[in-house]
Structure formats: C-alpha cells, structure tokens
Protein backbone atom coordinates (compact mmCIF):
# COMPACT_ATOMS: atom_id res chain seq x y z
CA UNK A 1 92.02 97.91 104.49
CA UNK A 2 92.28 97.92 100.55
CA UNK A 3 90.21 97.04 97.71
CA UNK A 4 91.76 96.44 94.59
CA UNK A 5 92.01 97.97 91.36
CA UNK A 6 88.79 98.11 89.09
CA UNK A 7 87.56 99.61 85.85
CA UNK A 8 85.16 102.70 86.60
CA UNK A 9 82.37 101.37 84.54
CA UNK A 10 81.98 98.60 87.00
CA UNK A 11 82.80 100.98 90.22
CA UNK A 12 80.23 99.25 92.19
CA UNK A 13 81.65 95.98 91.86
CA UNK A 14 84.50 95.03 94.36
CA UNK A 15 86.97 92.63 94.35
CA UNK A 16 89.08 91.96 91.92
CA UNK A 17 91.97 93.14 89.55
CA UNK A 18 90.75 93.31 85.64
CA UNK A 19 92.74 93.30 82.79
CA UNK A 20 92.52 95.71 80.02
CA UNK A 21 94.26 95.45 76.79
CA UNK A 22 94.95 98.90 76.07
CA UNK A 23 98.43 100.89 77.40
CA UNK A 24 98.41 101.03 81.05
CA UNK A 25 97.92 105.09 80.98
CA UNK A 26 94.71 104.51 79.14
CA UNK A 27 93.20 102.34 81.75
CA UNK A 28 90.88 104.06 84.10
CA UNK A 29 90.20 102.64 87.52
CA UNK A 30 90.45 103.01 90.97
CA UNK A 31 92.01 101.73 94.43
CA UNK A 32 90.22 101.85 97.62
CA UNK A 33 90.79 102.53 101.05
CA UNK A 34 88.66 101.70 103.87
CA UNK A 35 90.01 103.96 106.67
CA UNK A 36 89.08 104.86 110.12
CA UNK A 37 88.66 107.61 112.47
CA UNK A 38 91.53 108.52 113.46
CA UNK A 39 95.37 107.64 111.63
CA UNK A 40 95.27 105.85 108.06
CA UNK A 41 98.25 105.14 105.65
CA UNK A 42 97.43 105.49 102.32
CA UNK A 43 98.73 105.91 98.07
CA UNK A 44 97.92 108.04 95.59
CA UNK A 45 98.57 104.79 92.85
CA UNK A 46 96.48 106.14 89.97
CA UNK A 47 97.20 109.89 87.79
CA UNK A 48 94.36 111.97 89.66
CA UNK A 49 95.44 115.14 88.51
CA UNK A 50 96.70 116.35 92.19
CA UNK A 51 99.45 118.49 92.40
CA UNK A 52 98.76 119.84 96.47
CA UNK A 53 97.63 117.69 99.73
CA UNK A 54 95.20 120.67 100.21
CA UNK A 55 93.56 119.52 96.88
CA UNK A 56 93.44 115.95 98.20
CA UNK A 57 91.99 117.62 101.23
CA UNK A 58 89.17 119.23 100.09
CA UNK A 59 87.70 116.04 98.16
CA UNK A 60 86.93 114.61 100.98
CA UNK A 61 85.55 117.78 102.89
CA UNK A 62 84.65 117.72 106.50
CA UNK A 63 86.06 113.73 106.63
CA UNK A 64 89.69 114.61 106.85
CA UNK A 65 91.30 117.34 109.26
CA UNK A 66 95.07 116.29 108.55
CA UNK A 67 97.33 115.35 105.79
CA UNK A 68 101.10 113.96 106.48
CA UNK A 69 103.94 113.48 103.97
CA UNK A 70 106.88 111.47 105.46
CA UNK A 71 110.56 113.72 105.11
CA UNK A 72 113.06 110.96 104.68
CA UNK A 73 115.79 113.65 104.26
CA UNK A 74 114.55 115.21 107.97
CA UNK A 75 113.13 111.62 108.95
CA UNK A 76 109.92 113.68 110.09
CA UNK A 77 106.46 113.85 109.18
CA UNK A 78 105.66 117.50 107.85
CA UNK A 79 101.73 118.40 108.29
CA UNK A 80 99.18 119.64 106.36
CA UNK A 81 96.58 121.08 109.07
CA UNK A 82 92.20 121.76 108.04
CA UNK A 83 91.35 124.82 109.91
CA UNK A 84 87.76 125.15 109.90
CA UNK A 85 86.39 128.51 109.65
CA UNK A 86 83.06 127.57 111.28
CA UNK A 87 81.25 128.93 107.98
CA UNK A 88 81.39 126.26 105.23
CA UNK A 89 85.09 127.11 104.51
CA UNK A 90 88.28 126.44 105.45
CA UNK A 91 92.13 126.60 104.74
CA UNK A 92 94.98 124.13 104.71
CA UNK A 93 97.96 125.18 106.34
CA UNK A 94 101.00 124.60 105.81
CA UNK A 95 100.59 122.73 102.23
CA UNK A 96 102.78 120.12 100.34
CA UNK A 97 103.05 118.71 96.33
CA UNK A 98 101.86 115.35 96.25
CA UNK A 99 101.30 113.32 93.11
CA UNK A 100 100.85 109.68 91.53
CA UNK A 101 102.90 107.67 93.91
CA UNK A 102 102.77 109.47 97.11
CA UNK A 103 102.22 108.03 100.62
CA UNK A 104 100.08 110.15 102.60
CA UNK A 105 99.19 109.40 106.48
CA UNK A 106 95.70 110.91 107.00
CA UNK A 107 93.98 111.75 109.81
CA UNK A 108 90.23 111.50 109.32
CA UNK A 109 87.41 112.36 111.67
CA UNK A 110 84.97 109.84 110.90
CA UNK A 111 84.86 106.25 108.96
CA UNK A 112 85.81 107.38 105.59
CA UNK A 113 86.11 105.28 102.04
CA UNK A 114 89.42 107.17 100.66
CA UNK A 115 89.94 106.43 96.49
CA UNK A 116 92.42 106.91 94.74
CA UNK A 117 91.03 107.29 90.91
CA UNK A 118 92.23 108.35 87.60
CA UNK A 119 94.36 106.65 84.66
CA UNK A 120 96.98 103.73 85.35
CA UNK A 121 100.48 105.45 85.33
CA UNK A 122 102.31 105.68 82.29
CA UNK A 123 105.11 105.00 84.67
CA UNK A 124 105.03 102.41 87.57
CA UNK A 125 106.11 104.23 90.95
CA UNK A 126 109.66 104.04 91.60
CA UNK A 127 111.41 105.63 94.78
CA UNK A 128 114.43 107.00 96.09
CA UNK A 129 114.94 105.68 99.20
CA UNK A 130 117.85 107.12 101.38
CA UNK A 131 118.95 105.67 104.50
CA UNK A 132 116.71 105.62 107.14
CA UNK A 133 112.70 105.47 107.36
CA UNK A 134 111.32 106.04 103.96
CA UNK A 135 107.31 106.01 102.72
CA UNK A 136 106.94 103.50 99.77
CA UNK A 137 103.90 101.93 97.87
CA UNK A 138 104.07 98.34 96.85
CA UNK A 139 103.80 99.27 92.65
CA UNK A 140 100.83 98.38 90.69
CA UNK A 141 102.93 96.33 88.27
CA UNK A 142 104.48 94.47 91.91
CA UNK A 143 101.16 91.75 92.31
CA UNK A 144 103.82 88.90 92.72
CA UNK A 145 104.30 89.97 96.25
CA UNK A 146 102.31 88.51 98.65
CA UNK A 147 104.36 89.28 102.50
CA UNK A 148 106.42 92.03 103.55
CA UNK A 149 109.27 89.11 103.26
CA UNK A 150 109.58 88.69 99.69
CA UNK A 151 109.16 92.69 99.23
CA UNK A 152 111.92 93.36 101.25
CA UNK A 153 113.83 90.85 99.51
CA UNK A 154 113.64 92.27 96.58
CA UNK A 155 113.92 95.71 97.23
CA UNK A 156 117.05 94.29 99.41
CA UNK A 157 119.30 96.48 101.52
CA UNK A 158 116.19 97.24 103.74
CA UNK A 159 116.11 95.90 107.06
CA UNK A 160 112.72 96.42 108.26
CA UNK A 161 109.17 97.06 107.19
CA UNK A 162 106.35 98.39 108.78
CA UNK A 163 102.99 98.17 108.01
CA UNK A 164 100.19 100.90 109.81
CA UNK A 165 97.51 99.16 111.38
CA UNK A 166 94.50 101.44 111.81
CA UNK A 167 92.15 99.89 114.05
CA UNK A 168 94.94 99.45 116.66
CA UNK A 169 96.52 103.41 115.57
CA UNK A 170 100.11 101.45 115.70
CA UNK A 171 102.91 100.11 113.22
CA UNK A 172 103.23 96.43 112.89
CA UNK A 173 107.03 95.51 111.85
CA UNK A 174 108.87 92.90 109.44
CA UNK A 175 112.44 93.07 111.09
CA UNK A 176 115.30 91.11 109.03
CA UNK A 177 118.23 89.19 111.00
CA UNK A 178 120.88 89.09 109.18
CA UNK A 179 122.47 85.26 110.30
CA UNK A 180 125.65 86.95 108.78
CA UNK A 181 126.53 84.17 106.05
CA UNK A 182 124.56 85.33 103.52
CA UNK A 183 120.99 84.33 104.78
CA UNK A 184 118.51 85.37 107.07
CA UNK A 185 114.82 85.72 108.24
CA UNK A 186 111.99 88.31 107.93
CA UNK A 187 110.19 87.74 111.40
CA UNK A 188 107.41 88.44 112.13
CA UNK A 189 105.68 88.76 108.99
CA UNK A 190 102.72 90.42 107.08
CA UNK A 191 100.38 90.54 103.86
CA UNK A 192 101.18 93.13 101.59
CA UNK A 193 99.43 93.81 98.27
CA UNK A 194 99.56 96.20 95.24
CA UNK A 195 98.63 99.65 95.84
CA UNK A 196 99.78 99.15 99.86
CA UNK A 197 101.82 101.66 101.42
CA UNK A 198 104.36 100.74 103.77
CA UNK A 199 107.42 102.10 105.79
CA UNK A 200 111.04 100.61 104.87
CA UNK A 201 113.93 101.31 106.93
CA UNK A 202 116.80 101.55 104.31
CA UNK A 203 120.43 100.86 105.25
CA UNK A 204 121.86 102.81 102.22
CA UNK A 205 120.30 105.27 99.51
CA UNK A 206 118.66 103.01 97.20
CA UNK A 207 116.41 103.32 93.88
CA UNK A 208 113.41 101.19 93.74
CA UNK A 209 112.11 98.96 92.09
CA UNK A 210 115.13 99.88 89.58
CA UNK A 211 114.25 101.09 86.04
CA UNK A 212 114.37 98.27 83.09
CA UNK A 213 117.89 97.82 81.32
CA UNK A 214 117.86 100.32 78.91
CA UNK A 215 115.40 102.88 80.25
CA UNK A 216 115.90 105.56 82.46
CA UNK A 217 112.44 106.30 84.54
CA UNK A 218 112.14 109.68 86.76
CA UNK A 219 111.70 108.55 90.11
CA UNK A 220 109.40 109.82 93.09
CA UNK A 221 111.88 111.83 95.33
CA UNK A 222 111.89 111.12 99.12
CA UNK A 223 114.00 113.99 100.05
CA UNK A 224 112.88 117.75 99.71
C-alpha cells in the first residue's frame, strides 16, 4: 500500500496531500510504500540524490536482499543482489543506475516501510516507452487518474496495464479490448494514484506524458 506525499514537518501524520505555495523543487515531502516480506514494486517519486541501486539498498540495510529494474529494450529484469559477508558488511553486485522516477522491484526479507523522501522534482516524471512491456510511475502531477482505465486512455497506444499485488505475489491486469470501431473497454480495472508504479504494455514506442507545447523535458529512458 502507498501513502501520499506529505511535508516533512508533519512526517508522523499520514493521510493526504498538502499543497504548498512555492516552486515544486522547493517542496520537501515523501511517498511511503508499505512492503511485505517478498517482492514489492516501488518507485522513487522524489529527488533524493540516489544514483545507484546499491545506495537505495544501503539505506535499508538488512531489510532488502535484491533490487531489480526492468530493461525494456531486452524485456528482462536486471538485478542487483546483496551478498552478506556475515560480518556486518556486504556487497551489491551487479549495480545499476537509478534516478527520480525510477520504478524498482525490491525483495524484502521482512516487512518494511519504503520511503521516497526529498524535494519534489522540478520536472515531473516522463517515460520513453518501447513496443512491449515498460515500467512507469503515475507522475505526481497526475492526480486526476483514479483507475487504470483512465490512465491507459491518457497514455494511449497501450493494450494492458498491470499492478503488482505484493500480498499475493502476482500481477493484476487491466486489459484493453478494442472493438474495432474507435471504441473499446478496459476489463478488469484497478485503482491507481500518484506515485504508483505500474507495468504498461505499449503497442508502439511513445513518450508519456508528452511535454507541454513549446517545452522539451528530458525523458526517463527505459532502454540501455
């Protein structure tokens, strides 16, 4: 389960998103993911300064034993595995880069609250989807989406969205059925919210969300 962004001054009060009258990059807050022992899909919505998966793992010493990123170009998971030396030290190997907006599958050895704490990103997450499966996060400025069907209709060019059910350790899928007359139906459906990571099945390459007209934002590449 995921909690919404909150200012750090009220870190102990969890429940809603507070608006702050300032530049987005100056807003400090967090997104919390309540993780079970096992696999959990999380994201890094906030600007935290993480550059490597090992840095994320070291922040949860003893709680995580693997961090994975989806390589959309090769359609495979790439894993950073923690090797415990048994003397209070260890090593993450291999390693990979992460950034604000990254989606990660983490393997937790015990229940843990996973936090993305830091500044609101100056530029909201944007993804270069390839034809095939892609991991994306619902950007922090897309609070209008309550259902996977709404998210899929906004992305366009996708025929499936999947949410990871950590309790049952399986994917739950919303599939788009095209009626061939310009209409279609998403079935089944599931709830989405800002900061939520999902797997999107794209029919063709597409950049989402598109940058505002006249503005070119750097996209989070999903290829190697």
